Amino acid sequence: MDPLASLVDWIAFYGMLGLFAAGLAERFIPALPSHGLLVAIGMAAAGGSWSLPAAFIMTTCASVVASIALFLVVRTVGQGVSAKLLYGTGRLLGQPSTRIDGMLTSFRARGRGLSLIAQIVPTVRFVAPLAAAVVRLDTWRFAAGTLLGVALWNGTFLAAGYTAARSIPDVNASAFALKLLLLVLGVETLSMLVWRLFGRSNWRRTSSEDRAC
């Protein structure tokens, strides 16, 4: 049984529109394994359902559009409401308030760079648009960082699925995605270490500037 392959069959039925819808869905449905979905889409590209560039472009555009739309909507509701939404969503995803606080500090100091890094951390990527909206990050800086981060995330897993389908006969998309989960967790751990390093660096810089004043 291959649940991801069955889902991709449904996506393939709608062609490019299905790919775009899949890109939107993985941004708003945390229960949908983004890496697994992208791996399965990459495998389908190897099978001729669509080209790999088309899959990359459609899913990346959809994910970026969804992130920017969420960022703009949350920014318009006011800082108080957006902050409550951020912390509430963070709790649902297992993000403690201390980590959210660190994220806000980092976004204030390194908005574009942190927008990129956030997109390769599985749980953080869902709340990154909310955090950027709370600190009133410049729209273009957020969009640029998000585009680069999403392109890196999507491209990696699409290519992994495409390569696996080409090199491993009768590979099971769901089983292969589960094996990649260990890699994802490793990337997440490394990304969080980098995130904390940025946060400490920014905190020290801010403290030094305050003392200088």
Protein backbone atom coordinates (compact mmCIF):
# COMPACT_ATOMS: atom_id res chain seq x y z
CA MET A 1 0.00 0.00 0.00
CA ASP A 2 1.33 3.41 -0.99
CA PRO A 3 -0.84 6.30 0.31
CA LEU A 4 1.38 9.00 -1.16
CA ALA A 5 1.26 7.42 -4.61
CA SER A 6 -2.53 7.33 -4.38
CA LEU A 7 -2.58 11.02 -3.45
CA VAL A 8 -0.31 11.86 -6.38
CA ASP A 9 -2.64 9.97 -8.72
CA TRP A 10 -5.37 12.40 -7.68
CA ILE A 11 -3.03 15.36 -8.19
CA ALA A 12 -2.06 14.07 -11.64
CA PHE A 13 -5.73 13.91 -12.63
CA TYR A 14 -5.85 17.73 -12.39
CA GLY A 15 -2.47 18.30 -14.01
CA MET A 16 -0.78 21.66 -13.37
CA LEU A 17 -3.73 22.84 -11.29
CA GLY A 18 -3.31 19.79 -9.08
CA LEU A 19 0.37 20.60 -8.56
CA PHE A 20 -0.47 24.17 -7.61
CA ALA A 21 -3.17 22.98 -5.20
CA ALA A 22 -0.69 20.56 -3.63
CA GLY A 23 1.77 23.40 -3.11
CA LEU A 24 -0.91 25.45 -1.37
CA ALA A 25 -2.10 22.54 0.77
CA GLU A 26 1.33 21.69 2.16
CA ARG A 27 1.58 25.25 3.53
CA PHE A 28 -1.72 25.21 5.39
CA ILE A 29 -2.08 21.56 6.50
CA PRO A 30 0.68 20.65 8.99
CA ALA A 31 -0.52 17.03 9.08
CA LEU A 32 0.36 16.67 5.38
CA PRO A 33 4.02 15.59 5.19
CA SER A 34 5.52 18.16 2.87
CA HIS A 35 8.71 16.22 2.23
CA GLY A 36 6.77 13.03 1.47
CA LEU A 37 4.39 14.79 -0.89
CA LEU A 38 7.25 16.39 -2.79
CA VAL A 39 9.13 13.08 -3.01
CA ALA A 40 6.04 11.41 -4.47
CA ILE A 41 5.55 14.25 -6.96
CA GLY A 42 9.19 13.89 -8.02
CA MET A 43 8.65 10.17 -8.56
CA ALA A 44 5.58 10.90 -10.65
CA ALA A 45 7.69 13.26 -12.77
CA ALA A 46 10.07 10.37 -13.45
CA GLY A 47 7.05 8.32 -14.53
CA GLY A 48 5.95 10.95 -17.03
CA SER A 49 3.00 12.50 -15.18
CA TRP A 50 4.65 15.91 -15.65
CA SER A 51 8.14 17.26 -16.15
CA LEU A 52 10.41 17.86 -13.17
CA PRO A 53 10.80 21.60 -13.98
CA ALA A 54 7.01 21.97 -14.18
CA ALA A 55 6.59 20.27 -10.79
CA PHE A 56 9.25 22.50 -9.28
CA ILE A 57 7.81 25.72 -10.69
CA MET A 58 4.18 25.01 -9.80
CA THR A 59 4.77 23.75 -6.25
CA THR A 60 7.29 26.49 -5.48
CA CYS A 61 5.07 29.26 -6.82
CA ALA A 62 2.09 27.95 -4.87
CA SER A 63 4.05 27.70 -1.63
CA VAL A 64 5.53 31.18 -1.99
CA VAL A 65 2.16 32.71 -2.90
CA ALA A 66 0.55 31.06 0.13
CA SER A 67 3.30 32.28 2.45
CA ILE A 68 3.17 35.86 1.19
CA ALA A 69 -0.64 35.92 1.30
CA LEU A 70 -0.61 34.69 4.90
CA PHE A 71 2.06 37.25 5.78
CA LEU A 72 0.05 40.13 4.29
CA VAL A 73 -3.26 39.05 5.82
CA VAL A 74 -1.81 38.64 9.30
CA ARG A 75 0.00 41.97 9.09
CA THR A 76 -3.27 43.80 8.38
CA VAL A 77 -5.10 42.53 11.49
CA GLY A 78 -2.89 44.40 13.94
CA GLN A 79 0.15 43.46 15.98
CA GLY A 80 -1.81 42.33 19.04
CA VAL A 81 -4.02 39.89 17.16
CA SER A 82 -1.18 38.65 14.97
CA ALA A 83 0.99 37.99 18.05
CA LYS A 84 -1.78 35.93 19.67
CA LEU A 85 -2.20 34.00 16.43
CA LEU A 86 1.55 33.37 16.23
CA TYR A 87 1.89 32.06 19.77
CA GLY A 88 -1.32 30.02 19.51
CA THR A 89 -0.20 28.38 16.28
CA GLY A 90 3.23 27.79 17.75
CA ARG A 91 1.73 25.92 20.70
CA LEU A 92 -0.30 23.71 18.37
CA LEU A 93 2.89 22.82 16.50
CA GLY A 94 4.87 22.18 19.67
CA GLN A 95 6.84 25.42 19.54
CA PRO A 96 7.43 26.83 23.06
CA SER A 97 7.01 30.55 23.63
CA THR A 98 10.74 30.92 24.27
CA ARG A 99 11.50 29.64 20.78
CA ILE A 100 8.92 32.01 19.31
CA ASP A 101 10.54 34.88 21.22
CA GLY A 102 13.92 33.92 19.78
CA MET A 103 12.43 33.75 16.31
CA LEU A 104 11.02 37.26 16.62
CA THR A 105 14.38 38.60 17.80
CA SER A 106 16.14 36.94 14.89
CA PHE A 107 13.63 38.23 12.35
CA ARG A 108 14.12 41.79 13.59
CA ALA A 109 17.87 41.51 13.11
CA ARG A 110 18.21 39.28 10.02
CA GLY A 111 14.86 39.24 8.29
CA ARG A 112 15.77 37.98 4.83
CA GLY A 113 18.35 35.45 6.01
CA LEU A 114 16.03 34.04 8.64
CA SER A 115 13.16 33.88 6.13
CA LEU A 116 15.34 31.55 4.07
CA ILE A 117 16.48 29.40 7.00
CA ALA A 118 12.92 29.11 8.33
CA GLN A 119 11.80 27.37 5.14
CA ILE A 120 14.11 24.41 5.68
CA VAL A 121 13.00 23.76 9.28
CA PRO A 122 9.85 21.60 9.07
CA THR A 123 7.90 23.01 12.01
CA VAL A 124 9.24 26.56 11.88
CA ARG A 125 8.32 27.00 8.21
CA PHE A 126 4.62 27.03 9.14
CA VAL A 127 4.92 29.91 11.61
CA ALA A 128 7.59 31.94 9.78
CA PRO A 129 5.06 34.11 7.87
CA LEU A 130 3.28 34.87 11.15
CA ALA A 131 6.52 35.83 12.90
CA ALA A 132 7.60 38.02 9.99
CA ALA A 133 4.21 39.76 10.06
CA VAL A 134 4.40 40.41 13.81
CA VAL A 135 7.75 42.23 13.50
CA ARG A 136 6.52 44.09 10.40
CA LEU A 137 9.31 42.74 8.22
CA ASP A 138 9.64 44.40 4.84
CA THR A 139 7.50 42.53 2.32
CA TRP A 140 10.20 42.31 -0.34
CA ARG A 141 12.81 41.05 2.11
CA PHE A 142 10.40 38.40 3.37
CA ALA A 143 9.40 37.40 -0.16
CA ALA A 144 13.02 37.10 -1.33
CA GLY A 145 14.09 34.96 1.61
CA THR A 146 10.99 32.80 1.39
CA LEU A 147 11.43 32.22 -2.34
CA LEU A 148 15.02 31.04 -1.89
CA GLY A 149 14.14 28.83 1.08
CA VAL A 150 11.11 27.24 -0.58
CA ALA A 151 13.07 26.65 -3.78
CA LEU A 152 15.78 24.86 -1.78
CA TRP A 153 13.26 22.76 0.17
CA ASN A 154 11.09 21.81 -2.81
CA GLY A 155 13.98 21.26 -5.17
CA THR A 156 15.76 18.92 -2.76
CA PHE A 157 12.83 16.56 -2.22
CA LEU A 158 11.55 16.68 -5.78
CA ALA A 159 15.02 15.76 -7.00
CA ALA A 160 15.29 13.00 -4.37
CA GLY A 161 12.03 11.44 -5.51
CA TYR A 162 12.90 11.78 -9.19
CA THR A 163 16.34 10.21 -8.68
CA ALA A 164 14.95 7.37 -6.56
CA ALA A 165 12.33 6.49 -9.15
CA ARG A 166 14.97 6.47 -11.87
CA SER A 167 17.48 4.35 -9.97
CA ILE A 168 15.36 2.04 -7.76
CA PRO A 169 12.86 -0.21 -9.58
CA ASP A 170 9.33 -0.30 -8.12
CA VAL A 171 10.26 2.02 -5.24
CA ASN A 172 7.44 2.68 -2.76
CA ALA A 173 6.95 6.44 -2.36
CA SER A 174 5.64 6.23 1.21
CA ALA A 175 8.42 3.89 2.37
CA PHE A 176 11.09 6.02 0.72
CA ALA A 177 9.61 9.17 2.30
CA LEU A 178 9.77 7.54 5.73
CA LYS A 179 13.45 6.78 5.21
CA LEU A 180 14.02 10.40 4.28
CA LEU A 181 12.36 11.44 7.53
CA LEU A 182 15.59 10.71 9.38
CA LEU A 183 17.39 13.01 6.98
CA VAL A 184 14.74 15.69 7.52
CA LEU A 185 15.14 15.42 11.28
CA GLY A 186 18.89 15.74 10.89
CA VAL A 187 18.46 18.83 8.73
CA GLU A 188 16.00 20.27 11.25
CA THR A 189 18.46 19.75 14.10
CA LEU A 190 21.26 21.39 12.13
CA SER A 191 18.97 24.24 11.08
CA MET A 192 17.91 24.87 14.67
CA LEU A 193 21.55 25.00 15.74
CA VAL A 194 22.20 27.60 13.04
CA TRP A 195 19.02 29.45 14.07
CA ARG A 196 20.14 29.60 17.71
CA LEU A 197 23.63 30.68 16.66
CA PHE A 198 22.12 33.56 14.70
CA GLY A 199 19.91 34.42 17.66
CA ARG A 200 22.81 34.51 20.13
CA SER A 201 24.89 36.58 17.74
CA ASN A 202 22.07 39.07 17.30
CA TRP A 203 21.47 39.23 21.06
CA ARG A 204 25.14 39.92 21.77
CA ARG A 205 25.24 42.57 19.07
CA THR A 206 22.13 44.27 20.45
CA SER A 207 23.53 44.18 23.99
CA SER A 208 26.82 45.69 22.82
CA GLU A 209 25.02 48.47 20.97
CA ASP A 210 22.87 49.21 24.03
CA ARG A 211 25.95 49.47 26.26
CA ALA A 212 27.66 51.70 23.71
CA CYS A 213 24.70 54.06 23.79
